[in-house]
PDB file of all heavy atoms in Angstrom:
ATOM      1  N   ILE A   1       0.836  -1.193   0.000  1.00  0.00           N
ATOM      2  CA  ILE A   1       0.000   0.000   0.000  1.00  0.00           C
ATOM      3  C   ILE A   1       0.877   1.251   0.000  1.00  0.00           C
ATOM      4  O   ILE A   1       1.638   1.484   0.937  1.00  0.00           O
ATOM      5  CB  ILE A   1      -0.940   0.039   1.224  1.00  0.00           C
ATOM      6  CG1 ILE A   1      -1.797  -1.230   1.282  1.00  0.00           C
ATOM      7  CG2 ILE A   1      -1.803   1.297   1.189  1.00  0.00           C
ATOM      8  CD1 ILE A   1      -2.688  -1.447   0.075  1.00  0.00           C
ATOM      9  N   VAL A   2       0.750   2.046  -1.047  1.00  0.00           N
ATOM     10  CA  VAL A   2       1.496   3.301  -1.178  1.00  0.00           C
ATOM     11  C   VAL A   2       0.506   4.455  -1.091  1.00  0.00           C
ATOM     12  O   VAL A   2      -0.482   4.481  -1.836  1.00  0.00           O
ATOM     13  CB  VAL A   2       2.247   3.370  -2.523  1.00  0.00           C
ATOM     14  CG1 VAL A   2       2.993   4.700  -2.662  1.00  0.00           C
ATOM     15  CG2 VAL A   2       3.210   2.193  -2.661  1.00  0.00           C
ATOM     16  N   PHE A   3       0.759   5.401  -0.190  1.00  0.00           N
ATOM     17  CA  PHE A   3      -0.105   6.579  -0.119  1.00  0.00           C
ATOM     18  C   PHE A   3       0.279   7.573  -1.213  1.00  0.00           C
ATOM     19  O   PHE A   3       1.451   7.866  -1.439  1.00  0.00           O
ATOM     20  CB  PHE A   3       0.002   7.244   1.251  1.00  0.00           C
ATOM     21  CG  PHE A   3      -0.767   6.528   2.330  1.00  0.00           C
ATOM     22  CD1 PHE A   3      -0.138   6.083   3.480  1.00  0.00           C
ATOM     23  CD2 PHE A   3      -2.129   6.298   2.189  1.00  0.00           C
ATOM     24  CE1 PHE A   3      -0.837   5.429   4.471  1.00  0.00           C
ATOM     25  CE2 PHE A   3      -2.848   5.631   3.182  1.00  0.00           C
ATOM     26  CZ  PHE A   3      -2.203   5.195   4.322  1.00  0.00           C
ATOM     27  N   VAL A   4      -0.741   8.093  -1.875  1.00  0.00           N
ATOM     28  CA  VAL A   4      -0.577   9.064  -2.961  1.00  0.00           C
ATOM     29  C   VAL A   4      -1.633  10.154  -2.771  1.00  0.00           C
ATOM     30  O   VAL A   4      -2.445  10.091  -1.850  1.00  0.00           O
ATOM     31  CB  VAL A   4      -0.741   8.399  -4.342  1.00  0.00           C
ATOM     32  CG1 VAL A   4       0.431   7.478  -4.655  1.00  0.00           C
ATOM     33  CG2 VAL A   4      -2.060   7.621  -4.412  1.00  0.00           C
ATOM     34  N   ARG A   5      -1.646  11.141  -3.658  1.00  0.00           N
ATOM     35  CA  ARG A   5      -2.646  12.203  -3.553  1.00  0.00           C
ATOM     36  C   ARG A   5      -4.020  11.756  -4.039  1.00  0.00           C
ATOM     37  O   ARG A   5      -5.025  12.369  -3.689  1.00  0.00           O
ATOM     38  CB  ARG A   5      -2.204  13.431  -4.351  1.00  0.00           C
ATOM     39  CG  ARG A   5      -1.035  14.188  -3.728  1.00  0.00           C
ATOM     40  CD  ARG A   5      -0.744  15.439  -4.518  1.00  0.00           C
ATOM     41  NE  ARG A   5      -0.357  15.103  -5.890  1.00  0.00           N
ATOM     42  CZ  ARG A   5      -0.437  15.938  -6.920  1.00  0.00           C
ATOM     43  NH1 ARG A   5      -0.930  17.156  -6.736  1.00  0.00           N
ATOM     44  NH2 ARG A   5      -0.052  15.565  -8.125  1.00  0.00           N
ATOM     45  N   GLY A   6      -4.075  10.715  -4.830  1.00  0.00           N
ATOM     46  CA  GLY A   6      -5.347  10.228  -5.329  1.00  0.00           C
ATOM     47  C   GLY A   6      -5.138   9.307  -6.510  1.00  0.00           C
ATOM     48  O   GLY A   6      -4.008   8.950  -6.863  1.00  0.00           O
ATOM     49  N   THR A   7      -6.236   8.930  -7.146  1.00  0.00           N
ATOM     50  CA  THR A   7      -6.196   8.011  -8.280  1.00  0.00           C
ATOM     51  C   THR A   7      -5.298   8.521  -9.402  1.00  0.00           C
ATOM     52  O   THR A   7      -4.514   7.759  -9.983  1.00  0.00           O
ATOM     53  CB  THR A   7      -7.622   7.788  -8.818  1.00  0.00           C
ATOM     54  OG1 THR A   7      -8.430   7.238  -7.781  1.00  0.00           O
ATOM     55  CG2 THR A   7      -7.620   6.852 -10.011  1.00  0.00           C
ATOM     56  N   THR A   8      -5.417   9.799  -9.717  1.00  0.00           N
ATOM     57  CA  THR A   8      -4.630  10.370 -10.816  1.00  0.00           C
ATOM     58  C   THR A   8      -3.140  10.201 -10.562  1.00  0.00           C
ATOM     59  O   THR A   8      -2.388   9.771 -11.456  1.00  0.00           O
ATOM     60  CB  THR A   8      -4.973  11.856 -11.001  1.00  0.00           C
ATOM     61  OG1 THR A   8      -6.345  11.971 -11.391  1.00  0.00           O
ATOM     62  CG2 THR A   8      -4.095  12.497 -12.066  1.00  0.00           C
ATOM     63  N   GLU A   9      -2.688  10.551  -9.364  1.00  0.00           N
ATOM     64  CA  GLU A   9      -1.265  10.410  -9.067  1.00  0.00           C
ATOM     65  C   GLU A   9      -0.843   8.943  -9.084  1.00  0.00           C
ATOM     66  O   GLU A   9       0.261   8.608  -9.533  1.00  0.00           O
ATOM     67  CB  GLU A   9      -0.933  11.035  -7.717  1.00  0.00           C
ATOM     68  CG  GLU A   9       0.573  10.997  -7.416  1.00  0.00           C
ATOM     69  CD  GLU A   9       0.936  11.788  -6.173  1.00  0.00           C
ATOM     70  OE1 GLU A   9       0.716  11.283  -5.056  1.00  0.00           O
ATOM     71  OE2 GLU A   9       1.443  12.921  -6.337  1.00  0.00           O
ATOM     72  N   ALA A  10      -1.711   8.062  -8.616  1.00  0.00           N
ATOM     73  CA  ALA A  10      -1.370   6.640  -8.584  1.00  0.00           C
ATOM     74  C   ALA A  10      -1.146   6.085  -9.984  1.00  0.00           C
ATOM     75  O   ALA A  10      -0.173   5.353 -10.238  1.00  0.00           O
ATOM     76  CB  ALA A  10      -2.477   5.856  -7.877  1.00  0.00           C
ATOM     77  N   ILE A  11      -2.030   6.422 -10.922  1.00  0.00           N
ATOM     78  CA  ILE A  11      -1.871   5.936 -12.293  1.00  0.00           C
ATOM     79  C   ILE A  11      -0.622   6.540 -12.928  1.00  0.00           C
ATOM     80  O   ILE A  11       0.141   5.841 -13.608  1.00  0.00           O
ATOM     81  CB  ILE A  11      -3.125   6.240 -13.128  1.00  0.00           C
ATOM     82  CG1 ILE A  11      -4.335   5.512 -12.553  1.00  0.00           C
ATOM     83  CG2 ILE A  11      -2.915   5.834 -14.592  1.00  0.00           C
ATOM     84  CD1 ILE A  11      -5.653   5.879 -13.208  1.00  0.00           C
ATOM     85  N   ASN A  12      -0.407   7.826 -12.697  1.00  0.00           N
ATOM     86  CA  ASN A  12       0.797   8.465 -13.220  1.00  0.00           C
ATOM     87  C   ASN A  12       2.059   7.834 -12.634  1.00  0.00           C
ATOM     88  O   ASN A  12       3.069   7.694 -13.336  1.00  0.00           O
ATOM     89  CB  ASN A  12       0.772   9.965 -12.926  1.00  0.00           C
ATOM     90  CG  ASN A  12       0.017  10.745 -13.979  1.00  0.00           C
ATOM     91  OD1 ASN A  12       0.563  11.144 -14.998  1.00  0.00           O
ATOM     92  ND2 ASN A  12      -1.271  10.969 -13.734  1.00  0.00           N
ATOM     93  N   LEU A  13       2.005   7.466 -11.372  1.00  0.00           N
ATOM     94  CA  LEU A  13       3.164   6.817 -10.740  1.00  0.00           C
ATOM     95  C   LEU A  13       3.511   5.528 -11.474  1.00  0.00           C
ATOM     96  O   LEU A  13       4.675   5.282 -11.818  1.00  0.00           O
ATOM     97  CB  LEU A  13       2.853   6.541  -9.265  1.00  0.00           C
ATOM     98  CG  LEU A  13       4.003   6.055  -8.364  1.00  0.00           C
ATOM     99  CD1 LEU A  13       3.666   6.350  -6.899  1.00  0.00           C
ATOM    100  CD2 LEU A  13       4.287   4.563  -8.514  1.00  0.00           C
ATOM    101  N   VAL A  14       2.493   4.699 -11.730  1.00  0.00           N
ATOM    102  CA  VAL A  14       2.749   3.430 -12.424  1.00  0.00           C
ATOM    103  C   VAL A  14       3.256   3.675 -13.845  1.00  0.00           C
ATOM    104  O   VAL A  14       4.207   3.031 -14.308  1.00  0.00           O
ATOM    105  CB  VAL A  14       1.478   2.561 -12.446  1.00  0.00           C
ATOM    106  CG1 VAL A  14       1.709   1.298 -13.275  1.00  0.00           C
ATOM    107  CG2 VAL A  14       1.057   2.193 -11.033  1.00  0.00           C
ATOM    108  N   ALA A  15       2.655   4.637 -14.542  1.00  0.00           N
ATOM    109  CA  ALA A  15       3.051   4.921 -15.922  1.00  0.00           C
ATOM    110  C   ALA A  15       4.487   5.427 -15.996  1.00  0.00           C
ATOM    111  O   ALA A  15       5.255   5.032 -16.889  1.00  0.00           O
ATOM    112  CB  ALA A  15       2.103   5.945 -16.540  1.00  0.00           C
ATOM    113  N   LYS A  16       4.843   6.286 -15.081  1.00  0.00           N
ATOM    114  CA  LYS A  16       6.146   6.952 -15.162  1.00  0.00           C
ATOM    115  C   LYS A  16       7.252   6.202 -14.437  1.00  0.00           C
ATOM    116  O   LYS A  16       8.414   6.621 -14.464  1.00  0.00           O
ATOM    117  CB  LYS A  16       6.010   8.381 -14.640  1.00  0.00           C
ATOM    118  CG  LYS A  16       5.186   9.255 -15.598  1.00  0.00           C
ATOM    119  CD  LYS A  16       4.874  10.621 -15.041  1.00  0.00           C
ATOM    120  CE  LYS A  16       4.250  11.515 -16.110  1.00  0.00           C
ATOM    121  NZ  LYS A  16       3.036  10.927 -16.719  1.00  0.00           N
ATOM    122  N   THR A  17       6.920   5.103 -13.775  1.00  0.00           N
ATOM    123  CA  THR A  17       7.944   4.253 -13.168  1.00  0.00           C
ATOM    124  C   THR A  17       7.971   2.909 -13.881  1.00  0.00           C
ATOM    125  O   THR A  17       8.796   2.663 -14.742  1.00  0.00           O
ATOM    126  CB  THR A  17       7.680   4.068 -11.665  1.00  0.00           C
ATOM    127  OG1 THR A  17       6.382   3.485 -11.454  1.00  0.00           O
ATOM    128  CG2 THR A  17       7.791   5.379 -10.926  1.00  0.00           C
ATOM    129  N   TRP A  18       7.019   2.055 -13.567  1.00  0.00           N
ATOM    130  CA  TRP A  18       6.989   0.726 -14.190  1.00  0.00           C
ATOM    131  C   TRP A  18       6.864   0.832 -15.708  1.00  0.00           C
ATOM    132  O   TRP A  18       7.569   0.138 -16.447  1.00  0.00           O
ATOM    133  CB  TRP A  18       5.826  -0.086 -13.626  1.00  0.00           C
ATOM    134  CG  TRP A  18       5.759  -1.482 -14.184  1.00  0.00           C
ATOM    135  CD1 TRP A  18       6.373  -2.588 -13.691  1.00  0.00           C
ATOM    136  CD2 TRP A  18       5.067  -1.891 -15.376  1.00  0.00           C
ATOM    137  NE1 TRP A  18       6.099  -3.677 -14.496  1.00  0.00           N
ATOM    138  CE2 TRP A  18       5.300  -3.273 -15.531  1.00  0.00           C
ATOM    139  CE3 TRP A  18       4.271  -1.235 -16.310  1.00  0.00           C
ATOM    140  CZ2 TRP A  18       4.766  -4.008 -16.585  1.00  0.00           C
ATOM    141  CZ3 TRP A  18       3.734  -1.958 -17.366  1.00  0.00           C
ATOM    142  CH2 TRP A  18       3.983  -3.334 -17.496  1.00  0.00           C
ATOM    143  N   GLY A  19       5.977   1.689 -16.190  1.00  0.00           N
ATOM    144  CA  GLY A  19       5.778   1.816 -17.628  1.00  0.00           C
ATOM    145  C   GLY A  19       7.021   2.288 -18.345  1.00  0.00           C
ATOM    146  O   GLY A  19       7.420   1.725 -19.381  1.00  0.00           O
ATOM    147  N   ASP A  20       7.654   3.308 -17.810  1.00  0.00           N
ATOM    148  CA  ASP A  20       8.861   3.844 -18.431  1.00  0.00           C
ATOM    149  C   ASP A  20      10.000   2.839 -18.370  1.00  0.00           C
ATOM    150  O   ASP A  20      10.836   2.768 -19.274  1.00  0.00           O
ATOM    151  CB  ASP A  20       9.263   5.149 -17.734  1.00  0.00           C
ATOM    152  CG  ASP A  20      10.375   5.867 -18.453  1.00  0.00           C
ATOM    153  OD1 ASP A  20      10.155   6.292 -19.602  1.00  0.00           O
ATOM    154  OD2 ASP A  20      11.484   5.989 -17.887  1.00  0.00           O
ATOM    155  N   GLN A  21      10.016   2.047 -17.321  1.00  0.00           N
ATOM    156  CA  GLN A  21      11.095   1.081 -17.100  1.00  0.00           C
ATOM    157  C   GLN A  21      10.943  -0.169 -17.962  1.00  0.00           C
ATOM    158  O   GLN A  21      11.932  -0.723 -18.458  1.00  0.00           O
ATOM    159  CB  GLN A  21      11.113   0.700 -15.619  1.00  0.00           C
ATOM    160  CG  GLN A  21      12.208  -0.280 -15.204  1.00  0.00           C
ATOM    161  CD  GLN A  21      12.141  -0.590 -13.712  1.00  0.00           C
ATOM    162  OE1 GLN A  21      11.381   0.029 -12.967  1.00  0.00           O
ATOM    163  NE2 GLN A  21      12.928  -1.558 -13.276  1.00  0.00           N
ATOM    164  N   HIS A  22       9.707  -0.618 -18.166  1.00  0.00           N
ATOM    165  CA  HIS A  22       9.501  -1.941 -18.757  1.00  0.00           C
ATOM    166  C   HIS A  22       8.921  -1.934 -20.171  1.00  0.00           C
ATOM    167  O   HIS A  22       9.037  -2.953 -20.872  1.00  0.00           O
ATOM    168  CB  HIS A  22       8.573  -2.767 -17.855  1.00  0.00           C
ATOM    169  CG  HIS A  22       9.194  -3.146 -16.551  1.00  0.00           C
ATOM    170  ND1 HIS A  22      10.114  -4.152 -16.416  1.00  0.00           N
ATOM    171  CD2 HIS A  22       9.034  -2.620 -15.306  1.00  0.00           C
ATOM    172  CE1 HIS A  22      10.493  -4.263 -15.155  1.00  0.00           C
ATOM    173  NE2 HIS A  22       9.855  -3.339 -14.458  1.00  0.00           N
ATOM    174  N   LEU A  23       8.278  -0.857 -20.595  1.00  0.00           N
ATOM    175  CA  LEU A  23       7.642  -0.862 -21.904  1.00  0.00           C
ATOM    176  C   LEU A  23       8.544  -0.268 -22.970  1.00  0.00           C
ATOM    177  O   LEU A  23       9.245   0.713 -22.729  1.00  0.00           O
ATOM    178  CB  LEU A  23       6.313  -0.099 -21.845  1.00  0.00           C
ATOM    179  CG  LEU A  23       5.276  -0.665 -20.872  1.00  0.00           C
ATOM    180  CD1 LEU A  23       3.969   0.096 -20.971  1.00  0.00           C
ATOM    181  CD2 LEU A  23       5.050  -2.156 -21.099  1.00  0.00           C
ATOM    182  N   GLN A  24       8.499  -0.867 -24.139  1.00  0.00           N
ATOM    183  CA  GLN A  24       9.353  -0.462 -25.255  1.00  0.00           C
ATOM    184  C   GLN A  24       8.493  -0.137 -26.481  1.00  0.00           C
ATOM    185  O   GLN A  24       7.302  -0.448 -26.526  1.00  0.00           O
ATOM    186  CB  GLN A  24      10.353  -1.584 -25.591  1.00  0.00           C
ATOM    187  CG  GLN A  24      11.137  -2.102 -24.407  1.00  0.00           C
ATOM    188  CD  GLN A  24      12.018  -1.041 -23.784  1.00  0.00           C
ATOM    189  OE1 GLN A  24      12.533  -0.157 -24.479  1.00  0.00           O
ATOM    190  NE2 GLN A  24      12.203  -1.121 -22.468  1.00  0.00           N
ATOM    191  N   ALA A  25       9.119   0.455 -27.467  1.00  0.00           N
ATOM    192  CA  ALA A  25       8.415   0.775 -28.720  1.00  0.00           C
ATOM    193  C   ALA A  25       7.787  -0.488 -29.299  1.00  0.00           C
ATOM    194  O   ALA A  25       8.428  -1.542 -29.372  1.00  0.00           O
ATOM    195  CB  ALA A  25       9.389   1.391 -29.721  1.00  0.00           C
ATOM    196  N   GLY A  26       6.538  -0.375 -29.690  1.00  0.00           N
ATOM    197  CA  GLY A  26       5.820  -1.512 -30.259  1.00  0.00           C
ATOM    198  C   GLY A  26       5.005  -2.294 -29.254  1.00  0.00           C
ATOM    199  O   GLY A  26       4.086  -3.037 -29.640  1.00  0.00           O
ATOM    200  N   ASP A  27       5.338  -2.178 -27.956  1.00  0.00           N
ATOM    201  CA  ASP A  27       4.516  -2.822 -26.929  1.00  0.00           C
ATOM    202  C   ASP A  27       3.133  -2.179 -26.931  1.00  0.00           C
ATOM    203  O   ASP A  27       2.979  -0.994 -27.250  1.00  0.00           O
ATOM    204  CB  ASP A  27       5.148  -2.659 -25.550  1.00  0.00           C
ATOM    205  CG  ASP A  27       6.395  -3.504 -25.374  1.00  0.00           C
ATOM    206  OD1 ASP A  27       6.592  -4.446 -26.166  1.00  0.00           O
ATOM    207  OD2 ASP A  27       7.173  -3.224 -24.443  1.00  0.00           O
ATOM    208  N   GLU A  28       2.124  -2.958 -26.532  1.00  0.00           N
ATOM    209  CA  GLU A  28       0.755  -2.466 -26.586  1.00  0.00           C
ATOM    210  C   GLU A  28       0.134  -2.343 -25.203  1.00  0.00           C
ATOM    211  O   GLU A  28       0.317  -3.207 -24.338  1.00  0.00           O
ATOM    212  CB  GLU A  28      -0.095  -3.376 -27.474  1.00  0.00           C
ATOM    213  CG  GLU A  28       0.375  -3.354 -28.930  1.00  0.00           C
ATOM    214  CD  GLU A  28      -0.504  -4.172 -29.853  1.00  0.00           C
ATOM    215  OE1 GLU A  28      -1.484  -4.783 -29.379  1.00  0.00           O
ATOM    216  OE2 GLU A  28      -0.206  -4.205 -31.067  1.00  0.00           O
ATOM    217  N   ILE A  29      -0.591  -1.254 -25.023  1.00  0.00           N
ATOM    218  CA  ILE A  29      -1.348  -0.985 -23.800  1.00  0.00           C
ATOM    219  C   ILE A  29      -2.823  -0.959 -24.180  1.00  0.00           C
ATOM    220  O   ILE A  29      -3.218  -0.275 -25.125  1.00  0.00           O
ATOM    221  CB  ILE A  29      -0.958   0.370 -23.188  1.00  0.00           C
ATOM    222  CG1 ILE A  29       0.538   0.406 -22.855  1.00  0.00           C
ATOM    223  CG2 ILE A  29      -1.804   0.675 -21.953  1.00  0.00           C
ATOM    224  CD1 ILE A  29       1.045   1.805 -22.513  1.00  0.00           C
ATOM    225  N   ILE A  30      -3.638  -1.701 -23.452  1.00  0.00           N
ATOM    226  CA  ILE A  30      -5.066  -1.724 -23.716  1.00  0.00           C
ATOM    227  C   ILE A  30      -5.807  -0.979 -22.613  1.00  0.00           C
ATOM    228  O   ILE A  30      -5.591  -1.240 -21.420  1.00  0.00           O
ATOM    229  CB  ILE A  30      -5.600  -3.168 -23.808  1.00  0.00           C
ATOM    230  CG1 ILE A  30      -4.994  -3.883 -25.018  1.00  0.00           C
ATOM    231  CG2 ILE A  30      -7.121  -3.189 -23.904  1.00  0.00           C
ATOM    232  CD1 ILE A  30      -5.413  -5.347 -25.147  1.00  0.00           C
ATOM    233  N   ILE A  31      -6.655  -0.042 -23.017  1.00  0.00           N
ATOM    234  CA  ILE A  31      -7.581   0.615 -22.106  1.00  0.00           C
ATOM    235  C   ILE A  31      -8.986   0.443 -22.691  1.00  0.00           C
ATOM    236  O   ILE A  31      -9.135  -0.175 -23.742  1.00  0.00           O
ATOM    237  CB  ILE A  31      -7.238   2.111 -21.911  1.00  0.00           C
ATOM    238  CG1 ILE A  31      -7.290   2.873 -23.245  1.00  0.00           C
ATOM    239  CG2 ILE A  31      -5.865   2.267 -21.263  1.00  0.00           C
ATOM    240  CD1 ILE A  31      -7.054   4.363 -23.109  1.00  0.00           C
ATOM    241  N   SER A  32      -9.999   0.973 -22.028  1.00  0.00           N
ATOM    242  CA  SER A  32     -11.354   0.841 -22.569  1.00  0.00           C
ATOM    243  C   SER A  32     -11.910   2.207 -22.964  1.00  0.00           C
ATOM    244  O   SER A  32     -11.380   3.253 -22.581  1.00  0.00           O
ATOM    245  CB  SER A  32     -12.282   0.184 -21.534  1.00  0.00           C
ATOM    246  OG  SER A  32     -12.805   1.148 -20.640  1.00  0.00           O
ATOM    247  N   HIS A  33     -12.989   2.179 -23.715  1.00  0.00           N
ATOM    248  CA  HIS A  33     -13.639   3.408 -24.164  1.00  0.00           C
ATOM    249  C   HIS A  33     -14.307   4.140 -23.003  1.00  0.00           C
ATOM    250  O   HIS A  33     -14.684   5.307 -23.126  1.00  0.00           O
ATOM    251  CB  HIS A  33     -14.688   3.072 -25.227  1.00  0.00           C
ATOM    252  CG  HIS A  33     -14.844   4.135 -26.268  1.00  0.00           C
ATOM    253  ND1 HIS A  33     -14.920   3.883 -27.620  1.00  0.00           N
ATOM    254  CD2 HIS A  33     -14.923   5.484 -26.160  1.00  0.00           C
ATOM    255  CE1 HIS A  33     -15.042   5.012 -28.291  1.00  0.00           C
ATOM    256  NE2 HIS A  33     -15.053   6.001 -27.422  1.00  0.00           N
ATOM    257  N   LEU A  34     -14.438   3.468 -21.859  1.00  0.00           N
ATOM    258  CA  LEU A  34     -15.125   4.041 -20.709  1.00  0.00           C
ATOM    259  C   LEU A  34     -14.237   4.916 -19.841  1.00  0.00           C
ATOM    260  O   LEU A  34     -14.730   5.532 -18.891  1.00  0.00           O
ATOM    261  CB  LEU A  34     -15.687   2.913 -19.825  1.00  0.00           C
ATOM    262  CG  LEU A  34     -16.780   2.036 -20.415  1.00  0.00           C
ATOM    263  CD1 LEU A  34     -17.003   0.814 -19.525  1.00  0.00           C
ATOM    264  CD2 LEU A  34     -18.077   2.816 -20.571  1.00  0.00           C
ATOM    265  N   GLU A  35     -12.942   4.999 -20.155  1.00  0.00           N
ATOM    266  CA  GLU A  35     -11.994   5.546 -19.191  1.00  0.00           C
ATOM    267  C   GLU A  35     -12.130   7.041 -18.910  1.00  0.00           C
ATOM    268  O   GLU A  35     -12.433   7.841 -19.787  1.00  0.00           O
ATOM    269  CB  GLU A  35     -10.561   5.238 -19.625  1.00  0.00           C
ATOM    270  CG  GLU A  35     -10.251   3.771 -19.795  1.00  0.00           C
ATOM    271  CD  GLU A  35     -10.678   2.927 -18.613  1.00  0.00           C
ATOM    272  OE1 GLU A  35     -10.417   3.330 -17.451  1.00  0.00           O
ATOM    273  OE2 GLU A  35     -11.289   1.863 -18.833  1.00  0.00           O
TER     274      GLU A  35
END
């Protein structure tokens, strides 16, 4: 459990840490139309 300012910061944290570290050009991210 990591305390953050809210949902927005939490998603940005994952994107800018794990995402930046592990994802490469051509890798695919799936989201939904509801987001």
